[in-house]
Amino acid sequence: MSDVTPVVKELITRKTVEDARMAIIRQLEAAGGKIIKSDEAYIECDFGSLLLSRIIGEFWVPRNMLPKKAEIHLEPMEKNGTKVKILIRDTHKYGIMLGYVKKYENALQDVADSVLSAIK
């Protein structure tokens, strides 16, 4: 069984926590994400469909529909700005992903890049 390497990013933005949070949420929703939890310091968002991946198969399902989760922590800085920590991981639960690991890793990177573009 092959493991998909999660994407971990950290960035400091000049935006306030609230401005960064709203920009990230808009970007996640525009990318097809479903916000599971959102508060001042944390955003959790699900993407894709495990069921669709199972029925159609990982080979045929588009990258944006692969099951994955984004967890984003927002921390105010002492001097203006916000530290943003991003973790994007796959939520594929069963089966062997041999041959699909790179596709999943690219899908995770797509989400991370999307979030980063919203707060730069």
C-alpha atoms as a PDB file:
ATOM      1  CA  MET A   1       0.000   0.000   0.000  1.00  0.00           C
ATOM      2  CA  SER A   2       1.416   3.384  -0.976  1.00  0.00           C
ATOM      3  CA  ASP A   3       1.009   6.460   1.179  1.00  0.00           C
ATOM      4  CA  VAL A   4       0.206   9.894  -0.153  1.00  0.00           C
ATOM      5  CA  THR A   5       2.445  12.586   1.281  1.00  0.00           C
ATOM      6  CA  PRO A   6       0.325  15.408   2.731  1.00  0.00           C
ATOM      7  CA  VAL A   7       1.075  18.985   1.719  1.00  0.00           C
ATOM      8  CA  VAL A   8       2.175  21.226   4.579  1.00  0.00           C
ATOM      9  CA  LYS A   9       2.734  24.933   4.008  1.00  0.00           C
ATOM     10  CA  GLU A  10       3.276  27.931   6.255  1.00  0.00           C
ATOM     11  CA  LEU A  11       3.017  31.541   5.190  1.00  0.00           C
ATOM     12  CA  ILE A  12       2.903  34.947   6.818  1.00  0.00           C
ATOM     13  CA  THR A  13       0.535  37.395   5.180  1.00  0.00           C
ATOM     14  CA  ARG A  14      -0.015  41.085   5.858  1.00  0.00           C
ATOM     15  CA  LYS A  15      -3.773  40.532   5.962  1.00  0.00           C
ATOM     16  CA  THR A  16      -5.621  40.541   9.269  1.00  0.00           C
ATOM     17  CA  VAL A  17      -6.853  37.194  10.567  1.00  0.00           C
ATOM     18  CA  GLU A  18     -10.422  38.009   9.547  1.00  0.00           C
ATOM     19  CA  ASP A  19      -9.441  39.201   6.060  1.00  0.00           C
ATOM     20  CA  ALA A  20      -7.247  36.130   5.521  1.00  0.00           C
ATOM     21  CA  ARG A  21     -10.002  33.823   6.812  1.00  0.00           C
ATOM     22  CA  MET A  22     -12.627  35.306   4.505  1.00  0.00           C
ATOM     23  CA  ALA A  23     -10.297  35.222   1.473  1.00  0.00           C
ATOM     24  CA  ILE A  24      -9.429  31.576   2.176  1.00  0.00           C
ATOM     25  CA  ILE A  25     -13.063  30.566   2.644  1.00  0.00           C
ATOM     26  CA  ARG A  26     -14.081  32.256  -0.628  1.00  0.00           C
ATOM     27  CA  GLN A  27     -11.240  30.465  -2.432  1.00  0.00           C
ATOM     28  CA  LEU A  28     -12.042  27.072  -0.910  1.00  0.00           C
ATOM     29  CA  GLU A  29     -15.710  27.363  -1.852  1.00  0.00           C
ATOM     30  CA  ALA A  30     -14.836  28.545  -5.372  1.00  0.00           C
ATOM     31  CA  ALA A  31     -12.623  25.454  -5.712  1.00  0.00           C
ATOM     32  CA  GLY A  32     -15.582  23.199  -4.833  1.00  0.00           C
ATOM     33  CA  GLY A  33     -14.805  22.708  -1.156  1.00  0.00           C
ATOM     34  CA  LYS A  34     -17.370  22.146   1.578  1.00  0.00           C
ATOM     35  CA  ILE A  35     -16.580  24.084   4.759  1.00  0.00           C
ATOM     36  CA  ILE A  36     -16.950  21.722   7.722  1.00  0.00           C
ATOM     37  CA  LYS A  37     -15.770  24.049  10.473  1.00  0.00           C
ATOM     38  CA  SER A  38     -14.741  27.674  10.552  1.00  0.00           C
ATOM     39  CA  ASP A  39     -13.869  29.925  13.460  1.00  0.00           C
ATOM     40  CA  GLU A  40     -11.417  32.752  14.119  1.00  0.00           C
ATOM     41  CA  ALA A  41      -8.377  30.474  14.187  1.00  0.00           C
ATOM     42  CA  TYR A  42      -9.283  27.343  12.195  1.00  0.00           C
ATOM     43  CA  ILE A  43     -10.877  26.294   8.914  1.00  0.00           C
ATOM     44  CA  GLU A  44     -11.651  22.702   7.946  1.00  0.00           C
ATOM     45  CA  CYS A  45     -12.836  21.912   4.439  1.00  0.00           C
ATOM     46  CA  ASP A  46     -13.598  18.696   2.539  1.00  0.00           C
ATOM     47  CA  PHE A  47     -13.111  18.229  -1.201  1.00  0.00           C
ATOM     48  CA  GLY A  48     -14.042  15.579  -3.709  1.00  0.00           C
ATOM     49  CA  SER A  49     -16.020  12.421  -3.285  1.00  0.00           C
ATOM     50  CA  LEU A  50     -14.859   9.095  -1.913  1.00  0.00           C
ATOM     51  CA  LEU A  51     -18.017   7.450  -3.280  1.00  0.00           C
ATOM     52  CA  LEU A  52     -17.442   8.791  -6.787  1.00  0.00           C
ATOM     53  CA  SER A  53     -13.805   7.705  -6.635  1.00  0.00           C
ATOM     54  CA  ARG A  54     -14.934   4.206  -5.666  1.00  0.00           C
ATOM     55  CA  ILE A  55     -17.669   3.916  -8.267  1.00  0.00           C
ATOM     56  CA  ILE A  56     -15.847   5.415 -11.238  1.00  0.00           C
ATOM     57  CA  GLY A  57     -12.326   4.610 -10.080  1.00  0.00           C
ATOM     58  CA  GLU A  58      -9.364   6.833  -9.277  1.00  0.00           C
ATOM     59  CA  PHE A  59      -7.990   6.501 -12.776  1.00  0.00           C
ATOM     60  CA  TRP A  60     -11.031   8.123 -14.405  1.00  0.00           C
ATOM     61  CA  VAL A  61     -12.153  10.590 -11.759  1.00  0.00           C
ATOM     62  CA  PRO A  62     -10.730  14.127 -12.231  1.00  0.00           C
ATOM     63  CA  ARG A  63      -8.077  15.300  -9.736  1.00  0.00           C
ATOM     64  CA  ASN A  64     -10.414  17.884  -8.238  1.00  0.00           C
ATOM     65  CA  MET A  65     -12.899  15.128  -7.329  1.00  0.00           C
ATOM     66  CA  LEU A  66     -10.416  12.964  -5.409  1.00  0.00           C
ATOM     67  CA  PRO A  67     -11.290  12.897  -1.687  1.00  0.00           C
ATOM     68  CA  LYS A  68      -9.154  15.264   0.374  1.00  0.00           C
ATOM     69  CA  LYS A  69      -9.295  17.552   3.398  1.00  0.00           C
ATOM     70  CA  ALA A  70      -7.823  20.989   4.067  1.00  0.00           C
ATOM     71  CA  GLU A  71      -7.020  22.108   7.612  1.00  0.00           C
ATOM     72  CA  ILE A  72      -5.930  25.708   7.994  1.00  0.00           C
ATOM     73  CA  HIS A  73      -4.774  27.416  11.186  1.00  0.00           C
ATOM     74  CA  LEU A  74      -4.698  31.209  11.453  1.00  0.00           C
ATOM     75  CA  GLU A  75      -2.567  32.898  14.073  1.00  0.00           C
ATOM     76  CA  PRO A  76      -2.320  36.682  14.557  1.00  0.00           C
ATOM     77  CA  MET A  77       1.196  38.088  14.540  1.00  0.00           C
ATOM     78  CA  GLU A  78       2.413  40.585  17.151  1.00  0.00           C
ATOM     79  CA  LYS A  79       3.088  43.153  14.452  1.00  0.00           C
ATOM     80  CA  ASN A  80       0.294  43.252  11.853  1.00  0.00           C
ATOM     81  CA  GLY A  81      -0.350  40.197   9.775  1.00  0.00           C
ATOM     82  CA  THR A  82      -1.319  36.576  10.143  1.00  0.00           C
ATOM     83  CA  LYS A  83       0.605  33.313  10.192  1.00  0.00           C
ATOM     84  CA  VAL A  84      -1.237  30.740   8.091  1.00  0.00           C
ATOM     85  CA  LYS A  85      -0.480  27.034   8.470  1.00  0.00           C
ATOM     86  CA  ILE A  86      -1.964  24.745   5.828  1.00  0.00           C
ATOM     87  CA  LEU A  87      -2.305  20.961   5.892  1.00  0.00           C
ATOM     88  CA  ILE A  88      -3.877  19.239   2.896  1.00  0.00           C
ATOM     89  CA  ARG A  89      -4.238  15.457   3.111  1.00  0.00           C
ATOM     90  CA  ASP A  90      -6.037  12.727   1.244  1.00  0.00           C
ATOM     91  CA  THR A  91      -9.055  11.074   2.820  1.00  0.00           C
ATOM     92  CA  HIS A  92      -8.890   7.922   0.721  1.00  0.00           C
ATOM     93  CA  LYS A  93      -9.613   5.256   3.297  1.00  0.00           C
ATOM     94  CA  TYR A  94      -9.533   1.826   1.724  1.00  0.00           C
ATOM     95  CA  GLY A  95      -7.717  -0.070  -0.945  1.00  0.00           C
ATOM     96  CA  ILE A  96      -4.354   0.087  -2.591  1.00  0.00           C
ATOM     97  CA  MET A  97      -3.398   3.349  -4.250  1.00  0.00           C
ATOM     98  CA  LEU A  98      -0.478   1.940  -6.188  1.00  0.00           C
ATOM     99  CA  GLY A  99      -0.250   3.902  -9.406  1.00  0.00           C
ATOM    100  CA  TYR A 100      -2.401   6.796  -8.151  1.00  0.00           C
ATOM    101  CA  VAL A 101      -0.131   8.328  -5.500  1.00  0.00           C
ATOM    102  CA  LYS A 102       1.253  11.044  -7.789  1.00  0.00           C
ATOM    103  CA  LYS A 103      -2.257  11.952  -8.973  1.00  0.00           C
ATOM    104  CA  TYR A 104      -3.356  12.369  -5.335  1.00  0.00           C
ATOM    105  CA  GLU A 105      -0.249  14.381  -4.435  1.00  0.00           C
ATOM    106  CA  ASN A 106      -0.863  16.706  -7.396  1.00  0.00           C
ATOM    107  CA  ALA A 107      -4.491  17.126  -6.300  1.00  0.00           C
ATOM    108  CA  LEU A 108      -3.353  18.062  -2.780  1.00  0.00           C
ATOM    109  CA  GLN A 109      -0.847  20.556  -4.179  1.00  0.00           C
ATOM    110  CA  ASP A 110      -3.588  22.109  -6.334  1.00  0.00           C
ATOM    111  CA  VAL A 111      -5.629  22.886  -3.201  1.00  0.00           C
ATOM    112  CA  ALA A 112      -2.599  24.277  -1.348  1.00  0.00           C
ATOM    113  CA  ASP A 113      -1.690  26.506  -4.300  1.00  0.00           C
ATOM    114  CA  SER A 114      -5.272  27.737  -4.456  1.00  0.00           C
ATOM    115  CA  VAL A 115      -5.272  28.696  -0.763  1.00  0.00           C
ATOM    116  CA  LEU A 116      -1.887  30.389  -1.025  1.00  0.00           C
ATOM    117  CA  SER A 117      -3.034  32.444  -4.016  1.00  0.00           C
ATOM    118  CA  ALA A 118      -5.932  33.809  -1.955  1.00  0.00           C
ATOM    119  CA  ILE A 119      -3.725  35.284   0.767  1.00  0.00           C
ATOM    120  CA  LYS A 120      -0.592  36.471  -1.023  1.00  0.00           C
END
